[in-house]
Amino acid sequence: MLYLQAKATTIKEALSKWEEKSGRKASEAREIKLYGQIPPIEKMDASLTTLTNCVKLSLSSNSIEKISNLSGLKNLQILSLSRNNIKSFIGLEAVGDTLEELWISYNLIDKMKGINSMKNLKVLYMSNNQVKDWAEFVKLADLPCLADLVFVGNPLQEKYSAEGTWMDEACKRLPNLKKLDGTPVIKQEMDEGDGRS
């Protein structure tokens, strides 16, 4: 039996479908949802550079392998790339100054290379990826604004959760976190006083 492989949807095709459906110009829109395209998007092509007003871009549930062509998105604050085949953060540098939230759960990321360009990132949802060791995890300490991290389902988190030490170990390495895996981080104040009662 012969199966025909459907050609991937291009960003250009997805944007033109979006414009048709919404009755708006993609280049003027603040929010664009291109998730779950059939057939899926495989490449973040140059058509993305036209989205100059886009604040929130959703490309979840596709088959994207590499982050690219974000240089025109000067206003991008929220990028959703969950449920793709992305292996690294390389390509995010173009939005490093504006991006505040990155949703990249259910991908294949095992190394944090490229994450340090995200100077204003406050929220990072990267559950169910492949990060295995603390040497990679501590690269998140390079993100001065990071307050909310979801890391559940990574081999590193699973290993230390089984031992019951995940929360403590992760917070020790990222002392500025306010929320980890959906749980508020409670700081133990080291206030011993001066010994006088």
Protein backbone atom coordinates (compact mmCIF):
# COMPACT_ATOMS: atom_id res chain seq x y z
CA MET A 1 0.00 0.00 0.00
CA LEU A 2 1.33 3.44 -0.92
CA TYR A 3 0.95 6.34 1.50
CA LEU A 4 1.36 9.84 0.18
CA GLN A 5 3.28 12.12 2.49
CA ALA A 6 1.39 15.40 2.72
CA LYS A 7 3.57 18.42 2.01
CA ALA A 8 4.21 20.54 5.10
CA THR A 9 2.21 23.73 5.52
CA THR A 10 4.42 26.79 5.05
CA ILE A 11 4.20 29.79 7.36
CA LYS A 12 3.10 31.81 4.33
CA GLU A 13 0.19 29.41 3.67
CA ALA A 14 -0.75 29.33 7.36
CA LEU A 15 -0.74 33.15 7.52
CA SER A 16 -2.89 33.46 4.44
CA LYS A 17 -5.40 30.96 5.93
CA TRP A 18 -5.32 32.99 9.16
CA GLU A 19 -6.01 36.24 7.26
CA GLU A 20 -8.86 34.61 5.34
CA LYS A 21 -10.46 33.35 8.55
CA SER A 22 -9.94 36.47 10.65
CA GLY A 23 -10.49 39.05 7.93
CA ARG A 24 -7.40 40.94 9.16
CA LYS A 25 -3.90 41.56 7.87
CA ALA A 26 -1.32 39.40 9.66
CA SER A 27 1.25 42.20 9.47
CA GLU A 28 -1.01 44.40 11.64
CA ALA A 29 -2.16 41.76 14.13
CA ARG A 30 -0.95 41.68 17.73
CA GLU A 31 -1.78 37.99 18.24
CA ILE A 32 -1.33 35.22 15.67
CA LYS A 33 -2.30 31.58 16.26
CA LEU A 34 -0.84 29.07 13.82
CA TYR A 35 -0.93 26.03 16.07
CA GLY A 36 -1.92 22.54 15.00
CA GLN A 37 -1.74 23.11 11.26
CA ILE A 38 -2.68 20.16 9.02
CA PRO A 39 -0.33 19.18 7.52
CA PRO A 40 1.99 20.61 10.20
CA ILE A 41 4.43 23.48 9.78
CA GLU A 42 7.99 22.16 9.67
CA LYS A 43 9.97 25.38 9.16
CA MET A 44 9.81 28.85 10.65
CA ASP A 45 10.33 30.54 7.28
CA ALA A 46 10.98 34.15 6.32
CA SER A 47 7.24 34.95 6.13
CA LEU A 48 7.43 35.40 9.93
CA THR A 49 9.48 38.58 9.48
CA THR A 50 6.34 40.39 8.27
CA LEU A 51 4.72 40.08 11.71
CA THR A 52 6.10 43.38 12.97
CA ASN A 53 3.18 44.14 15.32
CA CYS A 54 2.86 40.64 16.75
CA VAL A 55 3.04 40.50 20.55
CA LYS A 56 1.93 36.87 20.95
CA LEU A 57 2.76 34.15 18.41
CA SER A 58 1.56 30.58 18.77
CA LEU A 59 3.16 27.85 16.66
CA SER A 60 2.44 24.94 19.03
CA SER A 61 1.54 21.42 17.88
CA ASN A 62 3.41 21.44 14.60
CA SER A 63 6.63 19.68 13.49
CA ILE A 64 9.10 22.57 13.76
CA GLU A 65 12.69 21.49 14.38
CA LYS A 66 14.54 24.84 14.50
CA ILE A 67 13.75 28.31 15.79
CA SER A 68 14.45 30.84 13.04
CA ASN A 69 13.36 34.00 11.20
CA LEU A 70 12.24 35.98 14.25
CA SER A 71 14.23 39.12 13.42
CA GLY A 72 11.22 41.16 12.22
CA LEU A 73 9.18 40.49 15.36
CA LYS A 74 10.29 43.59 17.25
CA ASN A 75 7.29 43.54 19.62
CA LEU A 76 7.13 39.83 20.41
CA GLN A 77 6.54 39.17 24.12
CA ILE A 78 4.98 35.68 24.17
CA LEU A 79 6.13 32.81 21.96
CA SER A 80 4.43 29.44 22.12
CA LEU A 81 6.36 26.55 20.53
CA SER A 82 5.12 23.62 22.64
CA ARG A 83 4.64 20.19 21.08
CA ASN A 84 7.15 20.48 18.23
CA ASN A 85 10.52 18.80 17.53
CA ILE A 86 12.76 21.65 18.68
CA LYS A 87 16.19 20.64 19.95
CA SER A 88 17.69 23.97 21.06
CA PHE A 89 17.07 27.62 21.96
CA ILE A 90 19.35 28.85 19.18
CA GLY A 91 17.42 31.30 17.01
CA LEU A 92 15.80 33.18 19.89
CA GLU A 93 18.54 35.85 19.97
CA ALA A 94 16.53 38.03 17.58
CA VAL A 95 13.78 38.48 20.20
CA GLY A 96 16.09 38.39 23.24
CA ASP A 97 15.26 41.97 24.26
CA THR A 98 11.45 41.75 24.04
CA LEU A 99 10.46 38.15 24.81
CA GLU A 100 8.89 37.78 28.28
CA GLU A 101 7.27 34.36 28.01
CA LEU A 102 8.46 31.24 26.22
CA TRP A 103 6.24 28.18 26.14
CA ILE A 104 8.36 25.34 24.80
CA SER A 105 7.13 22.21 26.63
CA TYR A 106 7.05 18.81 24.91
CA ASN A 107 10.09 19.28 22.70
CA LEU A 108 13.52 17.62 22.49
CA ILE A 109 15.71 20.22 24.23
CA ASP A 110 18.60 18.76 26.23
CA LYS A 111 21.04 21.70 26.21
CA MET A 112 20.37 25.29 27.29
CA LYS A 113 22.69 26.89 24.72
CA GLY A 114 21.15 30.12 23.44
CA ILE A 115 18.85 30.72 26.42
CA ASN A 116 21.16 33.41 27.88
CA SER A 117 20.10 35.93 25.20
CA MET A 118 16.65 36.14 26.84
CA LYS A 119 17.34 39.16 29.04
CA ASN A 120 13.67 39.94 29.82
CA LEU A 121 12.28 36.42 30.03
CA LYS A 122 9.97 36.15 33.06
CA VAL A 123 8.15 32.90 32.28
CA LEU A 124 9.67 29.70 30.88
CA TYR A 125 7.43 26.67 30.45
CA MET A 126 9.72 23.85 29.33
CA SER A 127 8.22 20.72 30.84
CA ASN A 128 8.75 17.37 29.16
CA ASN A 129 12.04 18.09 27.43
CA GLN A 130 15.34 16.19 27.75
CA VAL A 131 17.47 18.20 30.22
CA LYS A 132 19.43 15.68 32.29
CA ASP A 133 21.98 17.57 34.38
CA TRP A 134 22.50 20.54 36.66
CA ALA A 135 25.27 21.94 34.43
CA GLU A 136 22.59 22.74 31.85
CA PHE A 137 19.93 23.77 34.39
CA VAL A 138 22.16 26.41 36.02
CA LYS A 139 22.38 28.27 32.70
CA LEU A 140 18.90 29.53 33.60
CA ALA A 141 20.59 31.62 36.30
CA ASP A 142 21.76 33.88 33.42
CA LEU A 143 18.15 35.06 33.02
CA PRO A 144 17.85 38.06 35.39
CA CYS A 145 14.03 38.33 35.20
CA LEU A 146 13.06 34.63 35.30
CA ALA A 147 10.35 34.26 37.97
CA ASP A 148 8.12 31.37 36.78
CA LEU A 149 9.63 28.08 35.58
CA VAL A 150 7.88 24.83 34.69
CA PHE A 151 10.46 22.06 34.37
CA VAL A 152 8.46 18.97 35.32
CA GLY A 153 9.01 15.92 33.10
CA ASN A 154 12.67 16.59 32.32
CA PRO A 155 14.97 13.69 33.34
CA LEU A 156 16.74 15.97 35.85
CA GLN A 157 13.49 16.94 37.58
CA GLU A 158 12.22 13.34 37.59
CA LYS A 159 15.41 12.06 39.21
CA TYR A 160 15.41 14.62 42.04
CA SER A 161 11.64 14.49 42.54
CA ALA A 162 11.98 10.77 43.19
CA GLU A 163 14.49 11.66 45.91
CA GLY A 164 12.22 14.40 47.24
CA THR A 165 14.84 17.13 46.82
CA TRP A 166 13.86 18.75 43.50
CA MET A 167 12.28 21.94 44.87
CA ASP A 168 15.19 22.66 47.25
CA GLU A 169 17.94 21.86 44.78
CA ALA A 170 16.36 23.84 41.92
CA CYS A 171 15.62 26.89 44.09
CA LYS A 172 19.14 26.85 45.51
CA ARG A 173 20.46 27.19 41.96
CA LEU A 174 17.84 29.75 40.87
CA PRO A 175 17.28 31.90 43.97
CA ASN A 176 15.15 34.51 42.16
CA LEU A 177 12.35 32.10 41.18
CA LYS A 178 8.90 32.98 42.50
CA LYS A 179 7.18 29.88 41.11
CA LEU A 180 8.52 26.42 40.19
CA ASP A 181 6.38 23.79 38.46
CA GLY A 182 3.24 25.72 39.40
CA THR A 183 4.14 25.92 43.11
CA PRO A 184 4.95 29.29 44.71
CA VAL A 185 8.49 29.35 46.07
CA ILE A 186 8.51 30.18 49.74
CA LYS A 187 11.75 31.74 50.85
CA GLN A 188 12.94 30.78 54.31
CA GLU A 189 14.10 34.01 55.88
CA MET A 190 17.38 33.57 57.68
CA ASP A 191 16.58 35.89 60.55
CA GLU A 192 18.38 34.66 63.63
CA GLY A 193 18.28 38.04 65.36
CA ASP A 194 21.24 39.17 67.38
CA GLY A 195 20.89 36.68 70.23
CA ARG A 196 19.28 39.10 72.71
CA SER A 197 15.71 38.56 73.87
